[in-house]
PDB file of N, CA and C in Angstrom:
ATOM      1  N   UNK A   1     -18.762 -37.543  20.923  1.00  0.00           N
ATOM      2  CA  UNK A   1     -19.027 -37.494  19.495  1.00  0.00           C
ATOM      3  C   UNK A   1     -17.953 -36.674  18.784  1.00  0.00           C
ATOM      4  N   UNK A   2     -17.542 -35.556  19.383  1.00  0.00           N
ATOM      5  CA  UNK A   2     -16.532 -34.713  18.761  1.00  0.00           C
ATOM      6  C   UNK A   2     -15.219 -35.467  18.640  1.00  0.00           C
ATOM      7  N   UNK A   3     -14.889 -36.261  19.660  1.00  0.00           N
ATOM      8  CA  UNK A   3     -13.654 -37.025  19.600  1.00  0.00           C
ATOM      9  C   UNK A   3     -13.732 -38.086  18.513  1.00  0.00           C
ATOM     10  N   UNK A   4     -14.913 -38.683  18.337  1.00  0.00           N
ATOM     11  CA  UNK A   4     -15.082 -39.672  17.277  1.00  0.00           C
ATOM     12  C   UNK A   4     -14.861 -39.030  15.912  1.00  0.00           C
ATOM     13  N   UNK A   5     -15.420 -37.832  15.718  1.00  0.00           N
ATOM     14  CA  UNK A   5     -15.262 -37.159  14.435  1.00  0.00           C
ATOM     15  C   UNK A   5     -13.807 -36.785  14.205  1.00  0.00           C
ATOM     16  N   UNK A   6     -13.103 -36.356  15.238  1.00  0.00           N
ATOM     17  CA  UNK A   6     -11.694 -36.017  15.086  1.00  0.00           C
ATOM     18  C   UNK A   6     -10.872 -37.254  14.776  1.00  0.00           C
ATOM     19  N   UNK A   7     -11.217 -38.373  15.420  1.00  0.00           N
ATOM     20  CA  UNK A   7     -10.484 -39.612  15.154  1.00  0.00           C
ATOM     21  C   UNK A   7     -10.697 -40.084  13.728  1.00  0.00           C
ATOM     22  N   UNK A   8     -11.880 -39.860  13.223  1.00  0.00           N
ATOM     23  CA  UNK A   8     -12.173 -40.285  11.861  1.00  0.00           C
ATOM     24  C   UNK A   8     -11.588 -39.330  10.820  1.00  0.00           C
ATOM     25  N   UNK A   9     -11.033 -38.202  11.277  1.00  0.00           N
ATOM     26  CA  UNK A   9     -10.429 -37.256  10.357  1.00  0.00           C
ATOM     27  C   UNK A   9     -11.434 -36.302   9.739  1.00  0.00           C
ATOM     28  N   UNK A  10     -12.620 -36.247  10.289  1.00  0.00           N
ATOM     29  CA  UNK A  10     -13.624 -35.344   9.756  1.00  0.00           C
ATOM     30  C   UNK A  10     -13.475 -33.983  10.416  1.00  0.00           C
ATOM     31  N   UNK A  11     -13.803 -32.955   9.673  1.00  0.00           N
ATOM     32  CA  UNK A  11     -13.727 -31.600  10.202  1.00  0.00           C
ATOM     33  C   UNK A  11     -14.884 -31.385  11.150  1.00  0.00           C
ATOM     34  N   UNK A  12     -14.582 -30.886  12.327  1.00  0.00           N
ATOM     35  CA  UNK A  12     -15.610 -30.654  13.326  1.00  0.00           C
ATOM     36  C   UNK A  12     -15.680 -29.159  13.615  1.00  0.00           C
ATOM     37  N   UNK A  13     -16.869 -28.610  13.538  1.00  0.00           N
ATOM     38  CA  UNK A  13     -17.063 -27.204  13.869  1.00  0.00           C
ATOM     39  C   UNK A  13     -18.286 -27.107  14.774  1.00  0.00           C
ATOM     40  N   UNK A  14     -18.133 -26.468  15.938  1.00  0.00           N
ATOM     41  CA  UNK A  14     -19.291 -26.378  16.832  1.00  0.00           C
ATOM     42  C   UNK A  14     -20.380 -25.515  16.223  1.00  0.00           C
ATOM     43  N   UNK A  15     -21.585 -25.797  16.639  1.00  0.00           N
ATOM     44  CA  UNK A  15     -22.719 -25.063  16.122  1.00  0.00           C
ATOM     45  C   UNK A  15     -22.634 -23.612  16.595  1.00  0.00           C
ATOM     46  N   UNK A  16     -22.866 -22.685  15.684  1.00  0.00           N
ATOM     47  CA  UNK A  16     -22.824 -21.275  16.044  1.00  0.00           C
ATOM     48  C   UNK A  16     -24.051 -20.917  16.868  1.00  0.00           C
ATOM     49  N   UNK A  17     -23.847 -20.074  17.855  1.00  0.00           N
ATOM     50  CA  UNK A  17     -24.951 -19.726  18.734  1.00  0.00           C
ATOM     51  C   UNK A  17     -25.923 -18.746  18.101  1.00  0.00           C
ATOM     52  N   UNK A  18     -25.362 -17.816  17.295  1.00  0.00           N
ATOM     53  CA  UNK A  18     -26.261 -16.801  16.747  1.00  0.00           C
ATOM     54  C   UNK A  18     -26.694 -17.188  15.343  1.00  0.00           C
ATOM     55  N   UNK A  19     -27.898 -16.900  15.042  1.00  0.00           N
ATOM     56  CA  UNK A  19     -28.443 -17.143  13.721  1.00  0.00           C
ATOM     57  C   UNK A  19     -28.222 -15.886  12.903  1.00  0.00           C
ATOM     58  N   UNK A  20     -27.862 -16.009  11.636  1.00  0.00           N
ATOM     59  CA  UNK A  20     -27.565 -14.836  10.824  1.00  0.00           C
ATOM     60  C   UNK A  20     -28.799 -13.963  10.598  1.00  0.00           C
ATOM     61  N   UNK A  21     -29.983 -14.519  10.745  1.00  0.00           N
ATOM     62  CA  UNK A  21     -31.200 -13.740  10.546  1.00  0.00           C
ATOM     63  C   UNK A  21     -31.530 -12.879  11.757  1.00  0.00           C
ATOM     64  N   UNK A  22     -31.032 -13.245  12.913  1.00  0.00           N
ATOM     65  CA  UNK A  22     -31.350 -12.513  14.125  1.00  0.00           C
ATOM     66  C   UNK A  22     -30.262 -11.470  14.393  1.00  0.00           C
ATOM     67  N   UNK A  23     -30.636 -10.289  14.898  1.00  0.00           N
ATOM     68  CA  UNK A  23     -29.639  -9.262  15.194  1.00  0.00           C
ATOM     69  C   UNK A  23     -28.746  -9.683  16.357  1.00  0.00           C
ATOM     70  N   UNK A  24     -27.501  -9.243  16.319  1.00  0.00           N
ATOM     71  CA  UNK A  24     -26.585  -9.553  17.397  1.00  0.00           C
ATOM     72  C   UNK A  24     -26.854  -8.632  18.571  1.00  0.00           C
ATOM     73  N   UNK A  25     -26.174  -8.896  19.696  1.00  0.00           N
ATOM     74  CA  UNK A  25     -26.448  -8.163  20.926  1.00  0.00           C
ATOM     75  C   UNK A  25     -26.173  -6.673  20.772  1.00  0.00           C
ATOM     76  N   UNK A  26     -25.083  -6.300  20.065  1.00  0.00           N
ATOM     77  CA  UNK A  26     -24.707  -4.896  20.005  1.00  0.00           C
ATOM     78  C   UNK A  26     -25.305  -4.174  18.798  1.00  0.00           C
ATOM     79  N   UNK A  27     -26.116  -4.839  18.021  1.00  0.00           N
ATOM     80  CA  UNK A  27     -26.769  -4.202  16.882  1.00  0.00           C
ATOM     81  C   UNK A  27     -28.185  -3.791  17.239  1.00  0.00           C
ATOM     82  N   UNK A  28     -28.555  -2.635  16.754  1.00  0.00           N
ATOM     83  CA  UNK A  28     -29.924  -2.167  16.940  1.00  0.00           C
ATOM     84  C   UNK A  28     -30.674  -2.458  15.645  1.00  0.00           C
ATOM     85  N   UNK A  29     -31.681  -3.318  15.657  1.00  0.00           N
ATOM     86  CA  UNK A  29     -32.364  -3.689  14.416  1.00  0.00           C
ATOM     87  C   UNK A  29     -33.120  -2.530  13.775  1.00  0.00           C
ATOM     88  N   UNK A  30     -33.366  -1.466  14.536  1.00  0.00           N
ATOM     89  CA  UNK A  30     -34.120  -0.353  13.978  1.00  0.00           C
ATOM     90  C   UNK A  30     -33.233   0.596  13.168  1.00  0.00           C
ATOM     91  N   UNK A  31     -31.901   0.446  13.246  1.00  0.00           N
ATOM     92  CA  UNK A  31     -31.000   1.307  12.480  1.00  0.00           C
ATOM     93  C   UNK A  31     -31.065   0.975  10.998  1.00  0.00           C
ATOM     94  N   UNK A  32     -31.012   2.000  10.181  1.00  0.00           N
ATOM     95  CA  UNK A  32     -31.004   1.788   8.746  1.00  0.00           C
ATOM     96  C   UNK A  32     -29.599   1.396   8.302  1.00  0.00           C
ATOM     97  N   UNK A  33     -29.506   0.906   7.103  1.00  0.00           N
ATOM     98  CA  UNK A  33     -28.230   0.454   6.575  1.00  0.00           C
ATOM     99  C   UNK A  33     -27.207   1.583   6.566  1.00  0.00           C
ATOM    100  N   UNK A  34     -27.635   2.775   6.170  1.00  0.00           N
ATOM    101  CA  UNK A  34     -26.729   3.917   6.119  1.00  0.00           C
ATOM    102  C   UNK A  34     -26.178   4.241   7.507  1.00  0.00           C
ATOM    103  N   UNK A  35     -27.030   4.174   8.515  1.00  0.00           N
ATOM    104  CA  UNK A  35     -26.603   4.449   9.884  1.00  0.00           C
ATOM    105  C   UNK A  35     -25.624   3.386  10.379  1.00  0.00           C
ATOM    106  N   UNK A  36     -25.912   2.116  10.044  1.00  0.00           N
ATOM    107  CA  UNK A  36     -25.004   1.043  10.447  1.00  0.00           C
ATOM    108  C   UNK A  36     -23.653   1.179   9.764  1.00  0.00           C
ATOM    109  N   UNK A  37     -23.656   1.594   8.477  1.00  0.00           N
ATOM    110  CA  UNK A  37     -22.397   1.805   7.763  1.00  0.00           C
ATOM    111  C   UNK A  37     -21.607   2.952   8.388  1.00  0.00           C
ATOM    112  N   UNK A  38     -22.287   4.038   8.743  1.00  0.00           N
ATOM    113  CA  UNK A  38     -21.610   5.161   9.394  1.00  0.00           C
ATOM    114  C   UNK A  38     -21.003   4.734  10.728  1.00  0.00           C
ATOM    115  N   UNK A  39     -21.745   3.945  11.480  1.00  0.00           N
ATOM    116  CA  UNK A  39     -21.248   3.463  12.767  1.00  0.00           C
ATOM    117  C   UNK A  39     -20.018   2.579  12.566  1.00  0.00           C
ATOM    118  N   UNK A  40     -20.086   1.691  11.581  1.00  0.00           N
ATOM    119  CA  UNK A  40     -18.960   0.802  11.277  1.00  0.00           C
ATOM    120  C   UNK A  40     -17.735   1.605  10.842  1.00  0.00           C
ATOM    121  N   UNK A  41     -17.939   2.605   9.968  1.00  0.00           N
ATOM    122  CA  UNK A  41     -16.821   3.433   9.508  1.00  0.00           C
ATOM    123  C   UNK A  41     -16.189   4.203  10.663  1.00  0.00           C
ATOM    124  N   UNK A  42     -17.002   4.704  11.564  1.00  0.00           N
ATOM    125  CA  UNK A  42     -16.465   5.421  12.728  1.00  0.00           C
ATOM    126  C   UNK A  42     -15.633   4.500  13.609  1.00  0.00           C
ATOM    127  N   UNK A  43     -16.087   3.273  13.785  1.00  0.00           N
ATOM    128  CA  UNK A  43     -15.331   2.301  14.585  1.00  0.00           C
ATOM    129  C   UNK A  43     -13.987   2.015  13.916  1.00  0.00           C
ATOM    130  N   UNK A  44     -14.002   1.839  12.599  1.00  0.00           N
ATOM    131  CA  UNK A  44     -12.751   1.587  11.874  1.00  0.00           C
ATOM    132  C   UNK A  44     -11.802   2.775  11.979  1.00  0.00           C
ATOM    133  N   UNK A  45     -12.321   3.976  11.839  1.00  0.00           N
ATOM    134  CA  UNK A  45     -11.482   5.165  11.946  1.00  0.00           C
ATOM    135  C   UNK A  45     -10.869   5.294  13.335  1.00  0.00           C
ATOM    136  N   UNK A  46     -11.650   5.036  14.356  1.00  0.00           N
ATOM    137  CA  UNK A  46     -11.128   5.111  15.723  1.00  0.00           C
ATOM    138  C   UNK A  46     -10.016   4.085  15.936  1.00  0.00           C
ATOM    139  N   UNK A  47     -10.226   2.873  15.433  1.00  0.00           N
ATOM    140  CA  UNK A  47      -9.205   1.837  15.570  1.00  0.00           C
ATOM    141  C   UNK A  47      -7.945   2.229  14.802  1.00  0.00           C
ATOM    142  N   UNK A  48      -8.118   2.791  13.617  1.00  0.00           N
ATOM    143  CA  UNK A  48      -6.964   3.216  12.839  1.00  0.00           C
ATOM    144  C   UNK A  48      -6.185   4.318  13.521  1.00  0.00           C
ATOM    145  N   UNK A  49      -6.889   5.313  14.050  1.00  0.00           N
ATOM    146  CA  UNK A  49      -6.205   6.404  14.743  1.00  0.00           C
ATOM    147  C   UNK A  49      -5.481   5.900  15.991  1.00  0.00           C
ATOM    148  N   UNK A  50      -6.046   4.901  16.634  1.00  0.00           N
ATOM    149  CA  UNK A  50      -5.455   4.395  17.871  1.00  0.00           C
ATOM    150  C   UNK A  50      -4.245   3.497  17.618  1.00  0.00           C
ATOM    151  N   UNK A  51      -4.225   2.772  16.503  1.00  0.00           N
ATOM    152  CA  UNK A  51      -3.223   1.725  16.340  1.00  0.00           C
ATOM    153  C   UNK A  51      -2.267   1.896  15.163  1.00  0.00           C
ATOM    154  N   UNK A  52      -2.554   2.794  14.253  1.00  0.00           N
ATOM    155  CA  UNK A  52      -1.679   2.959  13.091  1.00  0.00           C
ATOM    156  C   UNK A  52      -0.665   4.051  13.404  1.00  0.00           C
ATOM    157  N   UNK A  53       0.603   3.778  13.104  1.00  0.00           N
ATOM    158  CA  UNK A  53       1.657   4.738  13.381  1.00  0.00           C
ATOM    159  C   UNK A  53       1.595   5.945  12.463  1.00  0.00           C
ATOM    160  N   UNK A  54       2.242   6.993  12.903  1.00  0.00           N
ATOM    161  CA  UNK A  54       2.242   8.231  12.129  1.00  0.00           C
ATOM    162  C   UNK A  54       3.664   8.523  11.680  1.00  0.00           C
ATOM    163  N   UNK A  55       3.805   9.051  10.485  1.00  0.00           N
ATOM    164  CA  UNK A  55       5.115   9.441   9.974  1.00  0.00           C
ATOM    165  C   UNK A  55       5.054  10.882   9.516  1.00  0.00           C
ATOM    166  N   UNK A  56       6.204  11.476   9.398  1.00  0.00           N
ATOM    167  CA  UNK A  56       6.291  12.829   8.875  1.00  0.00           C
ATOM    168  C   UNK A  56       6.691  12.741   7.413  1.00  0.00           C
ATOM    169  N   UNK A  57       5.973  13.420   6.541  1.00  0.00           N
ATOM    170  CA  UNK A  57       6.350  13.376   5.124  1.00  0.00           C
ATOM    171  C   UNK A  57       7.667  14.109   4.905  1.00  0.00           C
ATOM    172  N   UNK A  58       8.487  13.545   4.036  1.00  0.00           N
ATOM    173  CA  UNK A  58       9.772  14.153   3.726  1.00  0.00           C
ATOM    174  C   UNK A  58       9.820  14.496   2.251  1.00  0.00           C
ATOM    175  N   UNK A  59      10.553  15.522   1.943  1.00  0.00           N
ATOM    176  CA  UNK A  59      10.764  15.891   0.550  1.00  0.00           C
ATOM    177  C   UNK A  59      12.008  15.152   0.073  1.00  0.00           C
ATOM    178  N   UNK A  60      11.828  14.073  -0.620  1.00  0.00           N
ATOM    179  CA  UNK A  60      12.943  13.218  -1.012  1.00  0.00           C
ATOM    180  C   UNK A  60      13.629  13.684  -2.290  1.00  0.00           C
ATOM    181  N   UNK A  61      12.937  14.422  -3.128  1.00  0.00           N
ATOM    182  CA  UNK A  61      13.506  14.823  -4.411  1.00  0.00           C
ATOM    183  C   UNK A  61      13.965  16.274  -4.390  1.00  0.00           C
ATOM    184  N   UNK A  62      14.529  16.717  -3.288  1.00  0.00           N
ATOM    185  CA  UNK A  62      14.969  18.103  -3.212  1.00  0.00           C
ATOM    186  C   UNK A  62      16.181  18.339  -4.117  1.00  0.00           C
ATOM    187  N   UNK A  63      16.894  17.293  -4.479  1.00  0.00           N
ATOM    188  CA  UNK A  63      18.061  17.416  -5.355  1.00  0.00           C
ATOM    189  C   UNK A  63      17.669  17.452  -6.826  1.00  0.00           C
ATOM    190  N   UNK A  64      16.417  17.136  -7.131  1.00  0.00           N
ATOM    191  CA  UNK A  64      15.970  17.074  -8.527  1.00  0.00           C
ATOM    192  C   UNK A  64      15.664  18.482  -9.017  1.00  0.00           C
ATOM    193  N   UNK A  65      16.657  19.112  -9.629  1.00  0.00           N
ATOM    194  CA  UNK A  65      16.459  20.449 -10.185  1.00  0.00           C
ATOM    195  C   UNK A  65      16.333  20.336 -11.704  1.00  0.00           C
ATOM    196  N   UNK A  66      16.004  21.397 -12.406  1.00  0.00           N
ATOM    197  CA  UNK A  66      15.792  21.300 -13.861  1.00  0.00           C
ATOM    198  C   UNK A  66      17.010  20.785 -14.634  1.00  0.00           C
ATOM    199  N   UNK A  67      18.213  21.153 -14.210  1.00  0.00           N
ATOM    200  CA  UNK A  67      19.412  20.672 -14.914  1.00  0.00           C
ATOM    201  C   UNK A  67      19.561  19.160 -14.780  1.00  0.00           C
ATOM    202  N   UNK A  68      19.341  18.646 -13.580  1.00  0.00           N
ATOM    203  CA  UNK A  68      19.431  17.199 -13.352  1.00  0.00           C
ATOM    204  C   UNK A  68      18.344  16.481 -14.136  1.00  0.00           C
ATOM    205  N   UNK A  69      17.158  17.059 -14.144  1.00  0.00           N
ATOM    206  CA  UNK A  69      16.028  16.433 -14.839  1.00  0.00           C
ATOM    207  C   UNK A  69      16.299  16.305 -16.338  1.00  0.00           C
ATOM    208  N   UNK A  70      16.848  17.370 -16.955  1.00  0.00           N
ATOM    209  CA  UNK A  70      17.133  17.305 -18.396  1.00  0.00           C
ATOM    210  C   UNK A  70      18.262  16.325 -18.686  1.00  0.00           C
ATOM    211  N   UNK A  71      19.268  16.267 -17.797  1.00  0.00           N
ATOM    212  CA  UNK A  71      20.370  15.314 -17.992  1.00  0.00           C
ATOM    213  C   UNK A  71      19.869  13.880 -17.906  1.00  0.00           C
ATOM    214  N   UNK A  72      18.962  13.605 -16.985  1.00  0.00           N
ATOM    215  CA  UNK A  72      18.404  12.251 -16.837  1.00  0.00           C
ATOM    216  C   UNK A  72      17.563  11.902 -18.056  1.00  0.00           C
ATOM    217  N   UNK A  73      16.775  12.859 -18.553  1.00  0.00           N
ATOM    218  CA  UNK A  73      15.968  12.593 -19.753  1.00  0.00           C
ATOM    219  C   UNK A  73      16.856  12.290 -20.952  1.00  0.00           C
ATOM    220  N   UNK A  74      17.941  13.060 -21.095  1.00  0.00           N
ATOM    221  CA  UNK A  74      18.870  12.830 -22.205  1.00  0.00           C
ATOM    222  C   UNK A  74      19.509  11.445 -22.082  1.00  0.00           C
ATOM    223  N   UNK A  75      19.945  11.089 -20.873  1.00  0.00           N
ATOM    224  CA  UNK A  75      20.552   9.780 -20.641  1.00  0.00           C
ATOM    225  C   UNK A  75      19.578   8.651 -20.949  1.00  0.00           C
ATOM    226  N   UNK A  76      18.338   8.789 -20.490  1.00  0.00           N
ATOM    227  CA  UNK A  76      17.344   7.736 -20.709  1.00  0.00           C
ATOM    228  C   UNK A  76      16.958   7.608 -22.174  1.00  0.00           C
ATOM    229  N   UNK A  77      16.899   8.729 -22.891  1.00  0.00           N
ATOM    230  CA  UNK A  77      16.570   8.636 -24.319  1.00  0.00           C
ATOM    231  C   UNK A  77      17.707   7.991 -25.094  1.00  0.00           C
ATOM    232  N   UNK A  78      18.966   8.268 -24.690  1.00  0.00           N
ATOM    233  CA  UNK A  78      20.108   7.624 -25.350  1.00  0.00           C
ATOM    234  C   UNK A  78      20.203   6.141 -24.998  1.00  0.00           C
ATOM    235  N   UNK A  79      19.691   5.747 -23.843  1.00  0.00           N
ATOM    236  CA  UNK A  79      19.725   4.336 -23.455  1.00  0.00           C
ATOM    237  C   UNK A  79      18.921   3.493 -24.431  1.00  0.00           C
ATOM    238  N   UNK A  80      17.871   4.050 -24.990  1.00  0.00           N
ATOM    239  CA  UNK A  80      17.049   3.302 -25.946  1.00  0.00           C
ATOM    240  C   UNK A  80      17.801   3.042 -27.247  1.00  0.00           C
ATOM    241  N   UNK A  81      18.780   3.914 -27.542  1.00  0.00           N
ATOM    242  CA  UNK A  81      19.561   3.779 -28.783  1.00  0.00           C
ATOM    243  C   UNK A  81      20.999   3.388 -28.483  1.00  0.00           C
ATOM    244  N   UNK A  82      21.222   2.670 -27.399  1.00  0.00           N
ATOM    245  CA  UNK A  82      22.571   2.372 -26.935  1.00  0.00           C
ATOM    246  C   UNK A  82      23.356   1.513 -27.937  1.00  0.00           C
ATOM    247  N   UNK A  83      22.686   0.755 -28.751  1.00  0.00           N
ATOM    248  CA  UNK A  83      23.397  -0.083 -29.719  1.00  0.00           C
ATOM    249  C   UNK A  83      24.141   0.771 -30.734  1.00  0.00           C
ATOM    250  N   UNK A  84      23.571   1.910 -31.106  1.00  0.00           N
ATOM    251  CA  UNK A  84      24.196   2.771 -32.112  1.00  0.00           C
ATOM    252  C   UNK A  84      24.963   3.929 -31.481  1.00  0.00           C
ATOM    253  N   UNK A  85      24.549   4.364 -30.292  1.00  0.00           N
ATOM    254  CA  UNK A  85      25.138   5.558 -29.683  1.00  0.00           C
ATOM    255  C   UNK A  85      25.672   5.256 -28.293  1.00  0.00           C
ATOM    256  N   UNK A  86      26.520   4.235 -28.191  1.00  0.00           N
ATOM    257  CA  UNK A  86      27.036   3.829 -26.887  1.00  0.00           C
ATOM    258  C   UNK A  86      27.922   4.904 -26.259  1.00  0.00           C
ATOM    259  N   UNK A  87      28.808   5.526 -27.020  1.00  0.00           N
ATOM    260  CA  UNK A  87      29.725   6.544 -26.497  1.00  0.00           C
ATOM    261  C   UNK A  87      28.945   7.744 -25.948  1.00  0.00           C
ATOM    262  N   UNK A  88      27.944   8.216 -26.686  1.00  0.00           N
ATOM    263  CA  UNK A  88      27.134   9.341 -26.218  1.00  0.00           C
ATOM    264  C   UNK A  88      26.364   8.973 -24.946  1.00  0.00           C
ATOM    265  N   UNK A  89      25.885   7.734 -24.902  1.00  0.00           N
ATOM    266  CA  UNK A  89      25.148   7.281 -23.728  1.00  0.00           C
ATOM    267  C   UNK A  89      26.047   7.254 -22.490  1.00  0.00           C
ATOM    268  N   UNK A  90      27.283   6.741 -22.643  1.00  0.00           N
ATOM    269  CA  UNK A  90      28.208   6.710 -21.511  1.00  0.00           C
ATOM    270  C   UNK A  90      28.550   8.124 -21.037  1.00  0.00           C
ATOM    271  N   UNK A  91      28.752   9.041 -21.986  1.00  0.00           N
ATOM    272  CA  UNK A  91      29.016  10.433 -21.614  1.00  0.00           C
ATOM    273  C   UNK A  91      27.817  11.041 -20.871  1.00  0.00           C
ATOM    274  N   UNK A  92      26.604  10.740 -21.348  1.00  0.00           N
ATOM    275  CA  UNK A  92      25.395  11.250 -20.703  1.00  0.00           C
ATOM    276  C   UNK A  92      25.234  10.656 -19.300  1.00  0.00           C
ATOM    277  N   UNK A  93      25.627   9.388 -19.133  1.00  0.00           N
ATOM    278  CA  UNK A  93      25.557   8.759 -17.807  1.00  0.00           C
ATOM    279  C   UNK A  93      26.485   9.469 -16.833  1.00  0.00           C
ATOM    280  N   UNK A  94      27.713   9.740 -17.274  1.00  0.00           N
ATOM    281  CA  UNK A  94      28.672  10.435 -16.421  1.00  0.00           C
ATOM    282  C   UNK A  94      28.188  11.846 -16.076  1.00  0.00           C
ATOM    283  N   UNK A  95      27.649  12.535 -17.069  1.00  0.00           N
ATOM    284  CA  UNK A  95      27.159  13.887 -16.857  1.00  0.00           C
ATOM    285  C   UNK A  95      25.998  13.902 -15.864  1.00  0.00           C
ATOM    286  N   UNK A  96      25.042  12.994 -16.063  1.00  0.00           N
ATOM    287  CA  UNK A  96      23.875  12.937 -15.182  1.00  0.00           C
ATOM    288  C   UNK A  96      24.295  12.597 -13.755  1.00  0.00           C
ATOM    289  N   UNK A  97      25.184  11.624 -13.603  1.00  0.00           N
ATOM    290  CA  UNK A  97      25.616  11.233 -12.260  1.00  0.00           C
ATOM    291  C   UNK A  97      26.395  12.360 -11.583  1.00  0.00           C
ATOM    292  N   UNK A  98      27.211  13.064 -12.359  1.00  0.00           N
ATOM    293  CA  UNK A  98      27.940  14.205 -11.802  1.00  0.00           C
ATOM    294  C   UNK A  98      26.995  15.291 -11.309  1.00  0.00           C
ATOM    295  N   UNK A  99      25.956  15.605 -12.101  1.00  0.00           N
ATOM    296  CA  UNK A  99      24.982  16.618 -11.685  1.00  0.00           C
ATOM    297  C   UNK A  99      24.190  16.172 -10.447  1.00  0.00           C
ATOM    298  N   UNK A 100      23.858  14.877 -10.395  1.00  0.00           N
ATOM    299  CA  UNK A 100      23.117  14.350  -9.235  1.00  0.00           C
ATOM    300  C   UNK A 100      23.983  14.461  -7.993  1.00  0.00           C
ATOM    301  N   UNK A 101      25.247  14.035  -8.083  1.00  0.00           N
ATOM    302  CA  UNK A 101      26.140  14.112  -6.920  1.00  0.00           C
ATOM    303  C   UNK A 101      26.344  15.558  -6.477  1.00  0.00           C
ATOM    304  N   UNK A 102      26.464  16.455  -7.432  1.00  0.00           N
ATOM    305  CA  UNK A 102      26.652  17.864  -7.114  1.00  0.00           C
ATOM    306  C   UNK A 102      25.428  18.452  -6.426  1.00  0.00           C
ATOM    307  N   UNK A 103      24.235  18.056  -6.900  1.00  0.00           N
ATOM    308  CA  UNK A 103      22.990  18.584  -6.340  1.00  0.00           C
ATOM    309  C   UNK A 103      22.728  18.042  -4.936  1.00  0.00           C
ATOM    310  N   UNK A 104      23.168  16.816  -4.676  1.00  0.00           N
ATOM    311  CA  UNK A 104      22.935  16.229  -3.356  1.00  0.00           C
ATOM    312  C   UNK A 104      23.923  16.814  -2.391  1.00  0.00           C
TER     313      UNK A 104
END
C-alpha cells in the first residue's frame, strides 16, 4: 500500500505509535507543569554547557579615549552638513583618523 501511495505521488507518513493524550515513557504523569518545565530547562542547560563553545571576552574599544570620542562626534556631526561644510568635514576626518591611529 505504501508503494502504491508513493507511486501515485501522495505523501505517505506512517502512523505514530504514541498518542498525544498519553504520557511518553520518560514522562511522569504525576509531575506538575512547573516541575516538567524545570526538568526541561535543566536538560537544555546541560546540553548547552556540554556542546556550546566558550570564548574569552575582549576589550575591543581600548583605543577609544575621550579625545578620539570627541573627534569622532565632531566628524559625524559635520558629515550631516557636508554639502555646506565639506572642507571642515575633510579636516575633521583626517584629525579623527590620526587620533585613532595614534591611540591604537
